C-alpha cells in the first residue's frame, strides 16, 4: 500500500510538471515562437568610407551630362578628379590644424583647376567651374507642356 501511494504521488507531481511545461510553450505544440525578452539595441554598421575612384564614379554621370563630354574628355576629367579627391582624402586622414588644412585644400584646388584648364576646352572648363559652384547639381530644363485646344465647333458641325 505504501508502495502504491508513492507511485500515485509521483504520477501526480509528474502531471503537474507537464502542465507547467505546457504553460511555458503557451499552449502551442511548436513551442515559443519568439523570444519573450525585448531585443537589445542593435549596433548599426558604420557606412563604409568610399574610395576616390568610387566617389568620382558616382559624380561622373552628372558631370558628363551637364558638360556634354566626349569619351576622351571624360577620361581626362575622371583621372584628374580621382587624383585630387585622393589627395583630399589623405589630408582628412592626417587631421591637420584648421589653418594648415585650409591652405592645403586651396593648393589642391588650384592645382586641380590648372590641370582641368589644360585638359578641357575653355567653354567646358568654365561650365565645370560653374557646376562646382552649384555643387554638382545639374539644372534640368523645364519643358513646357502645351495644352491642346479643343475644337468643339468643328466636331459638332461634322456630326450634323
Protein backbone atom coordinates (compact mmCIF):
# COMPACT_ATOMS: atom_id res chain seq x y z
CA UNK A 1 0.00 0.00 0.00
CA UNK A 2 2.84 2.33 0.83
CA UNK A 3 4.36 1.49 -2.49
CA UNK A 4 1.16 2.33 -4.40
CA UNK A 5 0.86 5.66 -2.56
CA UNK A 6 4.41 6.68 -3.50
CA UNK A 7 3.74 5.82 -7.15
CA UNK A 8 0.46 7.75 -7.08
CA UNK A 9 2.14 10.86 -5.58
CA UNK A 10 4.98 10.59 -8.13
CA UNK A 11 2.50 10.44 -11.03
CA UNK A 12 0.61 13.42 -9.60
CA UNK A 13 3.82 15.51 -9.40
CA UNK A 14 4.74 14.40 -12.91
CA UNK A 15 1.32 15.57 -14.19
CA UNK A 16 1.79 18.95 -12.51
CA UNK A 17 5.23 19.29 -14.10
CA UNK A 18 3.88 18.51 -17.56
CA UNK A 19 1.17 21.15 -17.23
CA UNK A 20 3.82 23.70 -16.23
CA UNK A 21 5.89 22.77 -19.27
CA UNK A 22 2.83 23.18 -21.50
CA UNK A 23 2.19 26.62 -19.99
CA UNK A 24 5.75 27.68 -20.85
CA UNK A 25 5.15 26.92 -24.51
CA UNK A 26 1.95 29.00 -24.34
CA UNK A 27 -0.20 26.04 -25.23
CA UNK A 28 1.38 25.80 -28.64
CA UNK A 29 2.75 22.41 -29.58
CA UNK A 30 5.53 24.09 -31.59
CA UNK A 31 6.91 25.86 -28.55
CA UNK A 32 7.67 29.52 -28.09
CA UNK A 33 7.93 31.16 -31.49
CA UNK A 34 9.56 34.38 -30.37
CA UNK A 35 11.88 35.27 -27.60
CA UNK A 36 9.92 36.95 -24.83
CA UNK A 37 12.87 39.12 -23.78
CA UNK A 38 12.93 42.51 -25.51
CA UNK A 39 15.54 42.90 -28.20
CA UNK A 40 18.52 44.97 -27.14
CA UNK A 41 19.87 47.88 -29.12
CA UNK A 42 21.24 46.80 -32.47
CA UNK A 43 24.63 48.16 -33.38
CA UNK A 44 24.39 49.98 -36.66
CA UNK A 45 27.20 49.38 -39.05
CA UNK A 46 29.13 52.49 -39.89
CA UNK A 47 28.86 53.45 -43.53
CA UNK A 48 31.84 52.23 -45.47
CA UNK A 49 34.11 55.07 -46.49
CA UNK A 50 34.18 55.42 -50.26
CA UNK A 51 37.48 55.43 -52.11
CA UNK A 52 38.45 58.21 -54.50
CA UNK A 53 37.60 56.23 -57.68
CA UNK A 54 34.18 55.31 -56.24
CA UNK A 55 33.40 58.95 -55.40
CA UNK A 56 34.43 60.12 -58.87
CA UNK A 57 32.48 57.27 -60.48
CA UNK A 58 29.33 58.43 -58.68
CA UNK A 59 29.75 62.04 -59.82
CA UNK A 60 30.88 61.43 -63.42
CA UNK A 61 27.40 60.84 -64.92
CA UNK A 62 26.24 64.23 -63.60
CA UNK A 63 29.37 65.95 -64.91
CA UNK A 64 29.17 64.23 -68.29
CA UNK A 65 25.50 65.14 -68.68
CA UNK A 66 25.99 68.76 -67.69
CA UNK A 67 29.11 69.39 -69.80
CA UNK A 68 28.37 67.06 -72.76
CA UNK A 69 31.82 65.47 -72.54
CA UNK A 70 33.10 63.04 -75.15
CA UNK A 71 34.95 59.86 -74.11
CA UNK A 72 38.40 61.44 -74.20
CA UNK A 73 37.31 64.42 -72.10
CA UNK A 74 35.55 62.06 -69.71
CA UNK A 75 38.77 60.10 -69.20
CA UNK A 76 40.77 63.29 -68.63
CA UNK A 77 38.30 64.72 -66.11
CA UNK A 78 37.92 61.37 -64.35
CA UNK A 79 41.66 60.85 -63.91
CA UNK A 80 42.26 64.41 -62.70
CA UNK A 81 39.36 64.30 -60.24
CA UNK A 82 40.42 60.88 -58.93
CA UNK A 83 43.93 62.17 -58.29
CA UNK A 84 42.81 65.23 -56.35
CA UNK A 85 39.97 63.54 -54.47
CA UNK A 86 42.56 61.01 -53.27
CA UNK A 87 44.76 63.88 -52.04
CA UNK A 88 41.81 65.41 -50.17
CA UNK A 89 41.04 62.08 -48.51
CA UNK A 90 44.66 61.75 -47.41
CA UNK A 91 44.51 65.28 -45.97
CA UNK A 92 41.42 64.39 -43.95
CA UNK A 93 43.19 61.35 -42.55
CA UNK A 94 46.12 63.50 -41.40
CA UNK A 95 43.80 65.70 -39.29
CA UNK A 96 45.89 68.83 -39.55
CA UNK A 97 45.19 72.13 -37.84
CA UNK A 98 42.38 74.13 -39.48
CA UNK A 99 44.70 76.77 -40.98
CA UNK A 100 47.07 74.22 -42.50
CA UNK A 101 44.13 72.17 -43.72
CA UNK A 102 42.59 75.20 -45.44
CA UNK A 103 45.90 76.12 -47.10
CA UNK A 104 46.44 72.57 -48.31
CA UNK A 105 42.93 72.30 -49.73
CA UNK A 106 43.32 75.64 -51.52
CA UNK A 107 46.61 74.42 -53.01
CA UNK A 108 44.98 71.17 -54.16
CA UNK A 109 42.05 73.13 -55.63
CA UNK A 110 44.42 75.43 -57.51
CA UNK A 111 46.41 72.52 -58.95
CA UNK A 112 43.20 70.74 -59.96
CA UNK A 113 41.90 73.84 -61.76
CA UNK A 114 45.21 74.23 -63.63
CA UNK A 115 45.14 70.62 -64.83
CA UNK A 116 41.48 70.80 -65.82
CA UNK A 117 42.10 74.06 -67.70
CA UNK A 118 44.92 72.37 -69.62
CA UNK A 119 42.87 69.23 -70.34
CA UNK A 120 39.48 70.71 -71.28
CA UNK A 121 38.35 73.28 -73.84
CA UNK A 122 37.74 76.69 -72.28
CA UNK A 123 33.95 76.64 -72.57
CA UNK A 124 33.71 73.24 -70.88
CA UNK A 125 36.21 74.29 -68.21
CA UNK A 126 34.09 77.35 -67.38
CA UNK A 127 30.97 75.18 -67.32
CA UNK A 128 32.76 72.78 -64.97
CA UNK A 129 33.65 75.63 -62.61
CA UNK A 130 30.02 76.76 -62.62
CA UNK A 131 28.97 73.19 -61.89
CA UNK A 132 31.39 73.06 -58.95
CA UNK A 133 29.94 76.27 -57.53
CA UNK A 134 26.48 74.67 -57.69
CA UNK A 135 27.92 71.56 -56.00
CA UNK A 136 27.28 69.33 -59.00
CA UNK A 137 23.54 69.97 -59.05
CA UNK A 138 22.50 69.66 -62.66
CA UNK A 139 19.82 72.15 -63.62
CA UNK A 140 17.26 70.39 -65.74
CA UNK A 141 15.47 72.24 -68.43
CA UNK A 142 11.76 72.50 -67.81
CA UNK A 143 9.78 71.55 -70.84
CA UNK A 144 6.59 73.49 -71.24
CA UNK A 145 3.60 71.34 -71.87
CA UNK A 146 1.24 72.73 -74.42
CA UNK A 147 -2.43 72.22 -73.95
CA UNK A 148 -4.32 71.12 -76.98
CA UNK A 149 -7.25 73.30 -77.88
CA UNK A 150 -10.49 71.52 -78.36
CA UNK A 151 -12.39 72.44 -81.45
CA UNK A 152 -15.91 71.73 -80.31
CA UNK A 153 -17.42 73.76 -83.12
CA UNK A 154 -15.72 71.70 -85.82
CA UNK A 155 -16.72 68.42 -84.21
CA UNK A 156 -20.34 69.43 -83.71
CA UNK A 157 -20.67 70.67 -87.33
CA UNK A 158 -19.36 67.44 -88.79
CA UNK A 159 -21.80 65.34 -86.77
CA UNK A 160 -24.86 67.18 -88.11
